[in-house]
Structure formats: C-alpha cells, structure tokens
Amino acid sequence: MTAVGDCAYNTSVATDDPPSVTGPAPAPAQAPAGTAGLDFDKAAYAEPVAAKLCAACKQGIAGEYYEVGGHVICTRCRNQIVGATGDRWAFWRALLFGGLAAGAGTLVWSLIIHFTGYELGIIAIVVGIAVGVAVRKGSRGRGGWKYQTLAMVLTYLSITTSYVPIIVKTMVKSAKEHAPAATFEGKKESAPPAADGDAQNPSPAPATKADAKPSGLPLPVALLAFVALVWGLALAAPFLAGAKNLIGIIIIAIGLYEAWKYNRAVKVSGPFRLAPAAPAAPAGTPSP
C-alpha cells in the first residue's frame, strides 16, 4: 500500500493463492463409516468368483462352495462325499481296495513271524491304518457305519489270517509225531494169530466188495473241513491264550479303532456363496 498525499493506492498483485487465515486450522473431513483403512488412490477389486479351487477335483468354484475339515470343495464333490450322488460301485470298490491292503498286511506280518519268530504288535496298528485309508479311498470319502464295519472286519481278518501258517505248521508237526506210534499199533493188530491146522498153509480169505469200507471223507470235503478248522482256530487265536495275551488283544483293538476312525462320516458345512466380482474402480487423478 503506497500513500500519496491523502490518497492511498493498492499496489498488491493478485495471485491464485487463497488468503491466509489466522486461527486454528480446520479439522480434516472424516471418511464415511466402513471406509477406514482404505486407500482411495489405488483401485480396489473384489474377490473374483472363481478364485477358489476345489480341494478334491482341483476345479475352479463359481457361485457356492462347501467346507470339509477346513478344505474347500465344490458342490459335485460334496454330493459324492455325502452320498447324494448315486455310486453303485462305491462299496465294491472299497472292498477291493481294502482287501488288497489287508492281503498285503497279512503277507508282511507272516513273513516277519516266519523269519524272526516274533509277533510285532505294531504291525496290527499299521494294518488298521492301511486298511482304513484304502477303504476310504475306495469309497471316495463317503464314510459311515457301513464302511467302518467293512474296514474293521478286513483288519481283523488280515491280522488273524497271519496265524494260519503257524497253525498249519503246528498241526503237521503234531501229525508227524503221532504217525509212527499209530503205524506200529496198526501192524500189530493186522496180523491175527493163525489156527493150529492152518499154521503150515495159511491162505488169506479173498476180500469182497461188501467188506470194503471207505477210507475217509472225499478229498474236496476233507480240504474244506481242514480249511474251516484252520481258519476258525486263526480267528480265535488272539483269545485262546486268555489273559496272557492281554497286550496283544489291546494292540489289535487299537488297529481296529484306526480302521474305524478313518471311515467316520464326514461333516460338511455350507453352502457358502462367493461374493460376485465388482467392477474395477477408476484410478484416482494424480495432482500436478
């Protein structure tokens, strides 16, 4: 401001800058509720619809999904697990897979007993786990009392069938020990004393068909009876020793529990729906 005489002239140059205001600065405008922590200078994108993958079939999920044990699965796999989708081969496939695992367990345990002479109880637990997983795989994760029963039966058959070689070996050994005594007694009874008149010229009477007697059971029937006897003894073997085999019975029970546990019914939660994909927000205009 320049004063010339009594007049004053404004000599300040107009600028675009706003005039300074004396006093406290105004409080910044608060963001609307629910937008705290968001960066408005960057575009935010909603989760795409097919961002999740099914843990079973590895396919993208669109729309809705389910959760099983913390894993995300699609609707089709969920229907297979709970049995909503018909599968007439599920039980037979579980029987095949579980039977193969049971057979392998019997073979391994029999070989260990044959070469070491020891019955390792830990094998019973391993057999239970293997059979349980195989049945679960064959049923494609259905689970339930039917598959639990199948897994437990296969596990017990696998464990007890491993005793068959021991039982057969014991029976053969016992037969060999009793065979010489029976043969000697048979020879003594087969030669009756001759009469006085026939002592010099003994003549045995000819055998007739009427006198012939069957020597025993037919061979197929005898084999079936032998197999039934051996297998029956094998099934009862863990309990024949009574309290002396208490530890073995407990270990077998643990193996059966493992087979049962792996085929429990699956708890499926859901459905859950994925959020639809939102359009991308425009990027903010940079300031000069």
C-alpha atoms as a PDB file:
ATOM      1  CA  MET A   1       0.000   0.000   0.000  1.00  0.00           C
ATOM      2  CA  THR A   2       1.575   3.366  -1.094  1.00  0.00           C
ATOM      3  CA  ALA A   3       0.343   6.680   0.304  1.00  0.00           C
ATOM      4  CA  VAL A   4       0.481   9.751  -1.966  1.00  0.00           C
ATOM      5  CA  GLY A   5      -0.912  12.802  -0.193  1.00  0.00           C
ATOM      6  CA  ASP A   6      -4.268  11.912   1.231  1.00  0.00           C
ATOM      7  CA  CYS A   7      -4.953   9.079  -1.254  1.00  0.00           C
ATOM      8  CA  ALA A   8      -3.929   5.511  -0.881  1.00  0.00           C
ATOM      9  CA  TYR A   9      -3.486   3.111  -3.778  1.00  0.00           C
ATOM     10  CA  ASN A  10      -3.423  -0.628  -3.527  1.00  0.00           C
ATOM     11  CA  THR A  11      -0.273  -1.885  -5.196  1.00  0.00           C
ATOM     12  CA  SER A  12      -0.601  -5.569  -4.246  1.00  0.00           C
ATOM     13  CA  VAL A  13      -0.536  -8.117  -7.071  1.00  0.00           C
ATOM     14  CA  ALA A  14      -3.458 -10.513  -7.272  1.00  0.00           C
ATOM     15  CA  THR A  15      -2.437 -14.180  -7.066  1.00  0.00           C
ATOM     16  CA  ASP A  16      -4.242 -17.516  -7.177  1.00  0.00           C
ATOM     17  CA  ASP A  17      -3.173 -18.396  -3.647  1.00  0.00           C
ATOM     18  CA  PRO A  18      -6.011 -18.211  -1.148  1.00  0.00           C
ATOM     19  CA  PRO A  19      -5.674 -15.615   1.521  1.00  0.00           C
ATOM     20  CA  SER A  20      -4.106 -16.810   4.716  1.00  0.00           C
ATOM     21  CA  VAL A  21      -6.466 -17.251   7.572  1.00  0.00           C
ATOM     22  CA  THR A  22      -5.381 -16.524  11.050  1.00  0.00           C
ATOM     23  CA  GLY A  23      -6.541 -19.019  13.634  1.00  0.00           C
ATOM     24  CA  PRO A  24      -6.669 -22.807  14.118  1.00  0.00           C
ATOM     25  CA  ALA A  25      -6.603 -24.979  11.016  1.00  0.00           C
ATOM     26  CA  PRO A  26      -9.895 -26.635  10.117  1.00  0.00           C
ATOM     27  CA  ALA A  27     -10.270 -30.291  11.058  1.00  0.00           C
ATOM     28  CA  PRO A  28      -9.911 -32.711   8.150  1.00  0.00           C
ATOM     29  CA  ALA A  29     -13.096 -34.239   6.840  1.00  0.00           C
ATOM     30  CA  GLN A  30     -13.761 -37.666   8.316  1.00  0.00           C
ATOM     31  CA  ALA A  31     -14.164 -40.638   5.992  1.00  0.00           C
ATOM     32  CA  PRO A  32     -17.551 -42.324   5.918  1.00  0.00           C
ATOM     33  CA  ALA A  33     -18.117 -45.231   8.251  1.00  0.00           C
ATOM     34  CA  GLY A  34     -16.774 -48.535   6.921  1.00  0.00           C
ATOM     35  CA  THR A  35     -14.041 -46.962   4.774  1.00  0.00           C
ATOM     36  CA  ALA A  36     -11.317 -46.776   7.414  1.00  0.00           C
ATOM     37  CA  GLY A  37      -8.006 -48.199   6.231  1.00  0.00           C
ATOM     38  CA  LEU A  38      -8.865 -47.915   2.525  1.00  0.00           C
ATOM     39  CA  ASP A  39      -6.519 -46.286   0.076  1.00  0.00           C
ATOM     40  CA  PHE A  40      -8.568 -44.232  -2.372  1.00  0.00           C
ATOM     41  CA  ASP A  41      -5.540 -43.520  -4.561  1.00  0.00           C
ATOM     42  CA  LYS A  42      -5.474 -47.172  -5.679  1.00  0.00           C
ATOM     43  CA  ALA A  43      -8.167 -49.258  -7.321  1.00  0.00           C
ATOM     44  CA  ALA A  44      -9.614 -51.994  -5.057  1.00  0.00           C
ATOM     45  CA  TYR A  45     -11.001 -55.164  -6.631  1.00  0.00           C
ATOM     46  CA  ALA A  46     -13.481 -57.576  -5.108  1.00  0.00           C
ATOM     47  CA  GLU A  47     -12.549 -61.261  -4.924  1.00  0.00           C
ATOM     48  CA  PRO A  48     -13.321 -62.874  -8.279  1.00  0.00           C
ATOM     49  CA  VAL A  49     -15.983 -65.560  -8.402  1.00  0.00           C
ATOM     50  CA  ALA A  50     -13.638 -68.404  -9.460  1.00  0.00           C
ATOM     51  CA  ALA A  51     -10.854 -67.529  -7.006  1.00  0.00           C
ATOM     52  CA  LYS A  52     -11.299 -70.783  -5.011  1.00  0.00           C
ATOM     53  CA  LEU A  53     -10.306 -74.265  -6.121  1.00  0.00           C
ATOM     54  CA  CYS A  54     -11.930 -77.491  -5.030  1.00  0.00           C
ATOM     55  CA  ALA A  55      -9.548 -79.491  -2.844  1.00  0.00           C
ATOM     56  CA  ALA A  56     -10.891 -82.771  -4.286  1.00  0.00           C
ATOM     57  CA  CYS A  57     -11.202 -82.257  -8.053  1.00  0.00           C
ATOM     58  CA  LYS A  58      -8.930 -79.175  -8.346  1.00  0.00           C
ATOM     59  CA  GLN A  59     -11.544 -77.351 -10.425  1.00  0.00           C
ATOM     60  CA  GLY A  60     -12.489 -73.719 -10.072  1.00  0.00           C
ATOM     61  CA  ILE A  61     -15.553 -72.949  -7.954  1.00  0.00           C
ATOM     62  CA  ALA A  62     -18.153 -70.459  -9.119  1.00  0.00           C
ATOM     63  CA  GLY A  63     -21.158 -69.499  -7.076  1.00  0.00           C
ATOM     64  CA  GLU A  64     -21.199 -71.590  -3.906  1.00  0.00           C
ATOM     65  CA  TYR A  65     -18.859 -73.970  -2.104  1.00  0.00           C
ATOM     66  CA  TYR A  66     -18.681 -76.232   0.945  1.00  0.00           C
ATOM     67  CA  GLU A  67     -16.061 -76.894   3.597  1.00  0.00           C
ATOM     68  CA  VAL A  68     -14.857 -80.290   4.825  1.00  0.00           C
ATOM     69  CA  GLY A  69     -12.227 -80.367   7.543  1.00  0.00           C
ATOM     70  CA  GLY A  70     -11.072 -76.871   6.629  1.00  0.00           C
ATOM     71  CA  HIS A  71     -10.846 -77.682   2.903  1.00  0.00           C
ATOM     72  CA  VAL A  72     -12.975 -76.076   0.230  1.00  0.00           C
ATOM     73  CA  ILE A  73     -14.900 -78.409  -2.081  1.00  0.00           C
ATOM     74  CA  CYS A  74     -17.356 -77.877  -4.886  1.00  0.00           C
ATOM     75  CA  THR A  75     -20.995 -78.941  -4.943  1.00  0.00           C
ATOM     76  CA  ARG A  76     -20.351 -82.025  -7.087  1.00  0.00           C
ATOM     77  CA  CYS A  77     -17.660 -83.387  -4.747  1.00  0.00           C
ATOM     78  CA  ARG A  78     -19.841 -82.610  -1.753  1.00  0.00           C
ATOM     79  CA  ASN A  79     -22.675 -84.688  -3.229  1.00  0.00           C
ATOM     80  CA  GLN A  80     -20.292 -87.604  -3.771  1.00  0.00           C
ATOM     81  CA  ILE A  81     -18.984 -87.468  -0.209  1.00  0.00           C
ATOM     82  CA  VAL A  82     -22.377 -87.382   1.496  1.00  0.00           C
ATOM     83  CA  GLY A  83     -23.798 -89.993  -0.886  1.00  0.00           C
ATOM     84  CA  ALA A  84     -26.264 -87.690  -2.599  1.00  0.00           C
ATOM     85  CA  THR A  85     -24.852 -88.812  -5.947  1.00  0.00           C
ATOM     86  CA  GLY A  86     -25.520 -92.463  -6.680  1.00  0.00           C
ATOM     87  CA  ASP A  87     -22.459 -94.706  -6.992  1.00  0.00           C
ATOM     88  CA  ARG A  88     -23.343 -98.395  -7.115  1.00  0.00           C
ATOM     89  CA  TRP A  89     -19.668 -99.408  -7.204  1.00  0.00           C
ATOM     90  CA  ALA A  90     -18.624 -97.452  -4.112  1.00  0.00           C
ATOM     91  CA  PHE A  91     -18.911-100.374  -1.660  1.00  0.00           C
ATOM     92  CA  TRP A  92     -17.340-102.918  -4.022  1.00  0.00           C
ATOM     93  CA  ARG A  93     -14.509-100.555  -4.823  1.00  0.00           C
ATOM     94  CA  ALA A  94     -13.934-100.027  -1.099  1.00  0.00           C
ATOM     95  CA  LEU A  95     -13.971-103.811  -0.597  1.00  0.00           C
ATOM     96  CA  LEU A  96     -11.398-104.278  -3.373  1.00  0.00           C
ATOM     97  CA  PHE A  97      -9.039-101.580  -2.129  1.00  0.00           C
ATOM     98  CA  GLY A  98      -9.394-102.641   1.494  1.00  0.00           C
ATOM     99  CA  GLY A  99      -8.963-106.329   0.610  1.00  0.00           C
ATOM    100  CA  LEU A 100      -5.718-105.619  -1.221  1.00  0.00           C
ATOM    101  CA  ALA A 101      -4.395-103.654   1.743  1.00  0.00           C
ATOM    102  CA  ALA A 102      -5.469-106.431   4.132  1.00  0.00           C
ATOM    103  CA  GLY A 103      -3.769-109.080   1.995  1.00  0.00           C
ATOM    104  CA  ALA A 104      -0.552-107.079   1.915  1.00  0.00           C
ATOM    105  CA  GLY A 105      -0.681-106.702   5.696  1.00  0.00           C
ATOM    106  CA  THR A 106      -1.156-110.454   6.170  1.00  0.00           C
ATOM    107  CA  LEU A 107       1.792-111.218   3.901  1.00  0.00           C
ATOM    108  CA  VAL A 108       4.110-108.772   5.662  1.00  0.00           C
ATOM    109  CA  TRP A 109       3.174-109.999   9.141  1.00  0.00           C
ATOM    110  CA  SER A 110       3.514-113.668   8.140  1.00  0.00           C
ATOM    111  CA  LEU A 111       6.971-113.050   6.700  1.00  0.00           C
ATOM    112  CA  ILE A 112       8.079-111.213   9.837  1.00  0.00           C
ATOM    113  CA  ILE A 113       6.859-114.060  12.051  1.00  0.00           C
ATOM    114  CA  HIS A 114       8.475-116.681   9.799  1.00  0.00           C
ATOM    115  CA  PHE A 115      11.905-115.079   9.618  1.00  0.00           C
ATOM    116  CA  THR A 116      12.150-113.521  13.087  1.00  0.00           C
ATOM    117  CA  GLY A 117       9.866-115.700  15.198  1.00  0.00           C
ATOM    118  CA  TYR A 118       8.407-112.591  16.834  1.00  0.00           C
ATOM    119  CA  GLU A 119       4.922-111.148  16.624  1.00  0.00           C
ATOM    120  CA  LEU A 120       5.374-107.402  16.338  1.00  0.00           C
ATOM    121  CA  GLY A 121       2.174-105.868  17.658  1.00  0.00           C
ATOM    122  CA  ILE A 122       2.886-102.554  15.955  1.00  0.00           C
ATOM    123  CA  ILE A 123       2.109-104.259  12.641  1.00  0.00           C
ATOM    124  CA  ALA A 124      -1.532-104.613  13.724  1.00  0.00           C
ATOM    125  CA  ILE A 125      -1.805-100.838  14.085  1.00  0.00           C
ATOM    126  CA  VAL A 126      -0.143-100.279  10.705  1.00  0.00           C
ATOM    127  CA  VAL A 127      -2.538-102.773   9.111  1.00  0.00           C
ATOM    128  CA  GLY A 128      -5.513-100.950  10.646  1.00  0.00           C
ATOM    129  CA  ILE A 129      -4.338 -97.614   9.259  1.00  0.00           C
ATOM    130  CA  ALA A 130      -3.590 -99.046   5.812  1.00  0.00           C
ATOM    131  CA  VAL A 131      -6.931-100.817   5.530  1.00  0.00           C
ATOM    132  CA  GLY A 132      -8.829 -97.786   6.821  1.00  0.00           C
ATOM    133  CA  VAL A 133      -7.190 -95.466   4.294  1.00  0.00           C
ATOM    134  CA  ALA A 134      -7.734 -97.962   1.457  1.00  0.00           C
ATOM    135  CA  VAL A 135     -11.436 -98.360   2.248  1.00  0.00           C
ATOM    136  CA  ARG A 136     -11.786 -94.586   2.460  1.00  0.00           C
ATOM    137  CA  LYS A 137     -10.069 -94.212  -0.893  1.00  0.00           C
ATOM    138  CA  GLY A 138     -12.238 -96.864  -2.493  1.00  0.00           C
ATOM    139  CA  SER A 139     -15.463 -95.308  -1.248  1.00  0.00           C
ATOM    140  CA  ARG A 140     -14.218 -91.894  -2.379  1.00  0.00           C
ATOM    141  CA  GLY A 141     -14.554 -90.428   1.068  1.00  0.00           C
ATOM    142  CA  ARG A 142     -18.144 -91.385   1.772  1.00  0.00           C
ATOM    143  CA  GLY A 143     -17.633 -92.799   5.272  1.00  0.00           C
ATOM    144  CA  GLY A 144     -20.334 -94.048   7.592  1.00  0.00           C
ATOM    145  CA  TRP A 145     -21.125 -97.179   9.612  1.00  0.00           C
ATOM    146  CA  LYS A 146     -21.142 -99.462   6.545  1.00  0.00           C
ATOM    147  CA  TYR A 147     -17.591 -98.602   5.554  1.00  0.00           C
ATOM    148  CA  GLN A 148     -16.425 -98.542   9.175  1.00  0.00           C
ATOM    149  CA  THR A 149     -17.684-102.097   9.646  1.00  0.00           C
ATOM    150  CA  LEU A 150     -16.030-103.204   6.410  1.00  0.00           C
ATOM    151  CA  ALA A 151     -12.696-101.703   7.426  1.00  0.00           C
ATOM    152  CA  MET A 152     -12.774-103.322  10.883  1.00  0.00           C
ATOM    153  CA  VAL A 153     -13.697-106.777   9.513  1.00  0.00           C
ATOM    154  CA  LEU A 154     -10.931-106.644   6.900  1.00  0.00           C
ATOM    155  CA  THR A 155      -8.430-105.521   9.516  1.00  0.00           C
ATOM    156  CA  TYR A 156      -9.272-108.373  11.891  1.00  0.00           C
ATOM    157  CA  LEU A 157      -9.166-110.928   9.075  1.00  0.00           C
ATOM    158  CA  SER A 158      -5.788-109.601   7.978  1.00  0.00           C
ATOM    159  CA  ILE A 159      -4.356-109.840  11.485  1.00  0.00           C
ATOM    160  CA  THR A 160      -5.717-113.292  12.338  1.00  0.00           C
ATOM    161  CA  THR A 161      -5.005-114.841   8.937  1.00  0.00           C
ATOM    162  CA  SER A 162      -1.325-114.274   9.601  1.00  0.00           C
ATOM    163  CA  TYR A 163      -1.622-117.036  12.254  1.00  0.00           C
ATOM    164  CA  VAL A 164      -2.607-119.621   9.624  1.00  0.00           C
ATOM    165  CA  PRO A 165       0.998-120.661   8.744  1.00  0.00           C
ATOM    166  CA  ILE A 166       1.774-121.129  12.437  1.00  0.00           C
ATOM    167  CA  ILE A 167      -1.329-123.273  12.977  1.00  0.00           C
ATOM    168  CA  VAL A 168      -0.648-125.412   9.907  1.00  0.00           C
ATOM    169  CA  LYS A 169       2.969-125.898  10.934  1.00  0.00           C
ATOM    170  CA  THR A 170       1.911-126.963  14.431  1.00  0.00           C
ATOM    171  CA  MET A 171      -0.684-129.410  13.087  1.00  0.00           C
ATOM    172  CA  VAL A 172       1.778-131.002  10.652  1.00  0.00           C
ATOM    173  CA  LYS A 173       4.386-131.366  13.377  1.00  0.00           C
ATOM    174  CA  SER A 174       1.859-132.983  15.711  1.00  0.00           C
ATOM    175  CA  ALA A 175       0.730-135.392  12.959  1.00  0.00           C
ATOM    176  CA  LYS A 176       4.307-136.459  12.279  1.00  0.00           C
ATOM    177  CA  GLU A 177       4.909-137.155  15.952  1.00  0.00           C
ATOM    178  CA  HIS A 178       1.826-139.375  16.262  1.00  0.00           C
ATOM    179  CA  ALA A 179       2.194-141.133  12.906  1.00  0.00           C
ATOM    180  CA  PRO A 180       4.944-143.699  13.913  1.00  0.00           C
ATOM    181  CA  ALA A 181       3.044-144.859  17.014  1.00  0.00           C
ATOM    182  CA  ALA A 182      -0.188-145.292  15.066  1.00  0.00           C
ATOM    183  CA  THR A 183       1.596-147.262  12.317  1.00  0.00           C
ATOM    184  CA  PHE A 184       3.231-149.631  14.811  1.00  0.00           C
ATOM    185  CA  GLU A 185      -0.071-150.336  16.582  1.00  0.00           C
ATOM    186  CA  GLY A 186      -1.761-150.937  13.233  1.00  0.00           C
ATOM    187  CA  LYS A 187       0.781-153.565  12.231  1.00  0.00           C
ATOM    188  CA  LYS A 188       0.316-155.441  15.486  1.00  0.00           C
ATOM    189  CA  GLU A 189      -3.455-155.565  15.071  1.00  0.00           C
ATOM    190  CA  SER A 190      -3.366-156.537  11.371  1.00  0.00           C
ATOM    191  CA  ALA A 191      -1.685-159.930  11.995  1.00  0.00           C
ATOM    192  CA  PRO A 192      -4.100-162.195  13.996  1.00  0.00           C
ATOM    193  CA  PRO A 193      -2.771-165.494  15.347  1.00  0.00           C
ATOM    194  CA  ALA A 194      -3.162-168.432  12.952  1.00  0.00           C
ATOM    195  CA  ALA A 195      -5.073-171.592  13.884  1.00  0.00           C
ATOM    196  CA  ASP A 196      -3.197-174.878  14.539  1.00  0.00           C
ATOM    197  CA  GLY A 197      -4.451-176.532  11.364  1.00  0.00           C
ATOM    198  CA  ASP A 198      -3.640-173.596   9.153  1.00  0.00           C
ATOM    199  CA  ALA A 199      -0.254-172.839  10.618  1.00  0.00           C
ATOM    200  CA  GLN A 200       1.613-174.570   7.823  1.00  0.00           C
ATOM    201  CA  ASN A 201      -0.533-173.435   4.860  1.00  0.00           C
ATOM    202  CA  PRO A 202      -2.065-170.087   5.676  1.00  0.00           C
ATOM    203  CA  SER A 203      -4.446-168.842   2.994  1.00  0.00           C
ATOM    204  CA  PRO A 204      -5.967-165.395   3.449  1.00  0.00           C
ATOM    205  CA  ALA A 205      -9.612-165.073   2.595  1.00  0.00           C
ATOM    206  CA  PRO A 206     -10.280-163.054  -0.536  1.00  0.00           C
ATOM    207  CA  ALA A 207     -11.656-159.614   0.078  1.00  0.00           C
ATOM    208  CA  THR A 208     -15.069-158.855  -1.336  1.00  0.00           C
ATOM    209  CA  LYS A 209     -16.631-155.549  -2.320  1.00  0.00           C
ATOM    210  CA  ALA A 210     -19.054-155.877   0.565  1.00  0.00           C
ATOM    211  CA  ASP A 211     -16.199-155.995   3.038  1.00  0.00           C
ATOM    212  CA  ALA A 212     -14.512-152.915   1.578  1.00  0.00           C
ATOM    213  CA  LYS A 213     -15.079-149.780   3.654  1.00  0.00           C
ATOM    214  CA  PRO A 214     -14.484-146.169   2.632  1.00  0.00           C
ATOM    215  CA  SER A 215     -11.150-144.939   3.860  1.00  0.00           C
ATOM    216  CA  GLY A 216     -12.474-141.482   4.793  1.00  0.00           C
ATOM    217  CA  LEU A 217     -14.171-138.302   3.538  1.00  0.00           C
ATOM    218  CA  PRO A 218     -13.943-137.344  -0.138  1.00  0.00           C
ATOM    219  CA  LEU A 219     -10.938-135.158  -0.854  1.00  0.00           C
ATOM    220  CA  PRO A 220     -12.830-131.887  -1.589  1.00  0.00           C
ATOM    221  CA  VAL A 221     -14.872-132.268   1.601  1.00  0.00           C
ATOM    222  CA  ALA A 222     -11.768-133.075   3.615  1.00  0.00           C
ATOM    223  CA  LEU A 223      -9.970-129.999   2.247  1.00  0.00           C
ATOM    224  CA  LEU A 224     -12.901-127.750   3.046  1.00  0.00           C
ATOM    225  CA  ALA A 225     -13.124-129.152   6.557  1.00  0.00           C
ATOM    226  CA  PHE A 226      -9.393-128.643   7.048  1.00  0.00           C
ATOM    227  CA  VAL A 227      -9.537-125.031   5.817  1.00  0.00           C
ATOM    228  CA  ALA A 228     -12.546-124.292   8.028  1.00  0.00           C
ATOM    229  CA  LEU A 229     -10.794-125.780  11.041  1.00  0.00           C
ATOM    230  CA  VAL A 230      -7.563-123.878  10.450  1.00  0.00           C
ATOM    231  CA  TRP A 231      -9.300-120.571   9.771  1.00  0.00           C
ATOM    232  CA  GLY A 232     -11.570-120.997  12.788  1.00  0.00           C
ATOM    233  CA  LEU A 233      -8.550-121.523  15.008  1.00  0.00           C
ATOM    234  CA  ALA A 234      -6.877-118.472  13.447  1.00  0.00           C
ATOM    235  CA  LEU A 235      -9.898-116.272  14.133  1.00  0.00           C
ATOM    236  CA  ALA A 236      -9.958-117.364  17.761  1.00  0.00           C
ATOM    237  CA  ALA A 237      -6.161-117.343  18.189  1.00  0.00           C
ATOM    238  CA  PRO A 238      -5.896-113.916  19.885  1.00  0.00           C
ATOM    239  CA  PHE A 239      -8.263-115.072  22.647  1.00  0.00           C
ATOM    240  CA  LEU A 240      -7.089-118.659  23.128  1.00  0.00           C
ATOM    241  CA  ALA A 241      -4.224-117.582  25.395  1.00  0.00           C
ATOM    242  CA  GLY A 242      -6.603-115.678  27.673  1.00  0.00           C
ATOM    243  CA  ALA A 243      -5.099-113.052  29.961  1.00  0.00           C
ATOM    244  CA  LYS A 244      -1.583-113.971  28.829  1.00  0.00           C
ATOM    245  CA  ASN A 245      -2.272-112.259  25.510  1.00  0.00           C
ATOM    246  CA  LEU A 246      -3.924-109.183  27.004  1.00  0.00           C
ATOM    247  CA  ILE A 247      -1.358-106.834  25.443  1.00  0.00           C
ATOM    248  CA  GLY A 248      -1.878-108.445  22.037  1.00  0.00           C
ATOM    249  CA  ILE A 249      -5.652-108.023  22.327  1.00  0.00           C
ATOM    250  CA  ILE A 250      -5.236-104.350  23.224  1.00  0.00           C
ATOM    251  CA  ILE A 251      -2.951-103.762  20.230  1.00  0.00           C
ATOM    252  CA  ILE A 252      -5.448-105.452  17.915  1.00  0.00           C
ATOM    253  CA  ALA A 253      -8.179-103.240  19.364  1.00  0.00           C
ATOM    254  CA  ILE A 254      -6.078-100.166  18.553  1.00  0.00           C
ATOM    255  CA  GLY A 255      -5.684-101.378  14.976  1.00  0.00           C
ATOM    256  CA  LEU A 256      -9.447-101.856  14.687  1.00  0.00           C
ATOM    257  CA  TYR A 257     -10.006 -98.366  16.067  1.00  0.00           C
ATOM    258  CA  GLU A 258      -7.689 -96.888  13.454  1.00  0.00           C
ATOM    259  CA  ALA A 259      -9.620 -98.619  10.686  1.00  0.00           C
ATOM    260  CA  TRP A 260     -12.885 -97.334  12.182  1.00  0.00           C
ATOM    261  CA  LYS A 261     -11.576 -93.796  12.640  1.00  0.00           C
ATOM    262  CA  TYR A 262     -10.531 -93.289   9.031  1.00  0.00           C
ATOM    263  CA  ASN A 263     -14.050 -94.081   7.813  1.00  0.00           C
ATOM    264  CA  ARG A 264     -16.120 -91.872  10.049  1.00  0.00           C
ATOM    265  CA  ALA A 265     -18.928 -89.932   8.416  1.00  0.00           C
ATOM    266  CA  VAL A 266     -17.708 -86.610   7.068  1.00  0.00           C
ATOM    267  CA  LYS A 267     -19.151 -83.405   8.485  1.00  0.00           C
ATOM    268  CA  VAL A 268     -19.791 -80.998   5.629  1.00  0.00           C
ATOM    269  CA  SER A 269     -20.586 -77.347   6.349  1.00  0.00           C
ATOM    270  CA  GLY A 270     -22.171 -74.977   3.891  1.00  0.00           C
ATOM    271  CA  PRO A 271     -23.143 -73.941   1.384  1.00  0.00           C
ATOM    272  CA  PHE A 272     -21.236 -70.676   1.291  1.00  0.00           C
ATOM    273  CA  ARG A 273     -21.601 -68.230  -1.553  1.00  0.00           C
ATOM    274  CA  LEU A 274     -18.755 -66.346  -3.144  1.00  0.00           C
ATOM    275  CA  ALA A 275     -19.124 -62.573  -3.490  1.00  0.00           C
ATOM    276  CA  PRO A 276     -19.794 -61.550  -7.103  1.00  0.00           C
ATOM    277  CA  ALA A 277     -16.959 -59.798  -8.855  1.00  0.00           C
ATOM    278  CA  ALA A 278     -17.319 -56.000  -8.619  1.00  0.00           C
ATOM    279  CA  PRO A 279     -16.256 -53.667 -11.479  1.00  0.00           C
ATOM    280  CA  ALA A 280     -12.847 -52.131 -11.025  1.00  0.00           C
ATOM    281  CA  ALA A 281     -12.861 -48.689  -9.502  1.00  0.00           C
ATOM    282  CA  PRO A 282     -11.258 -45.935 -11.661  1.00  0.00           C
ATOM    283  CA  ALA A 283      -7.806 -44.864 -10.610  1.00  0.00           C
ATOM    284  CA  GLY A 284      -7.534 -41.532  -8.878  1.00  0.00           C
ATOM    285  CA  THR A 285      -6.385 -38.440 -10.853  1.00  0.00           C
ATOM    286  CA  PRO A 286      -2.824 -37.545  -9.848  1.00  0.00           C
ATOM    287  CA  SER A 287      -2.339 -34.000  -8.586  1.00  0.00           C
ATOM    288  CA  PRO A 288       0.058 -31.640 -10.598  1.00  0.00           C
END
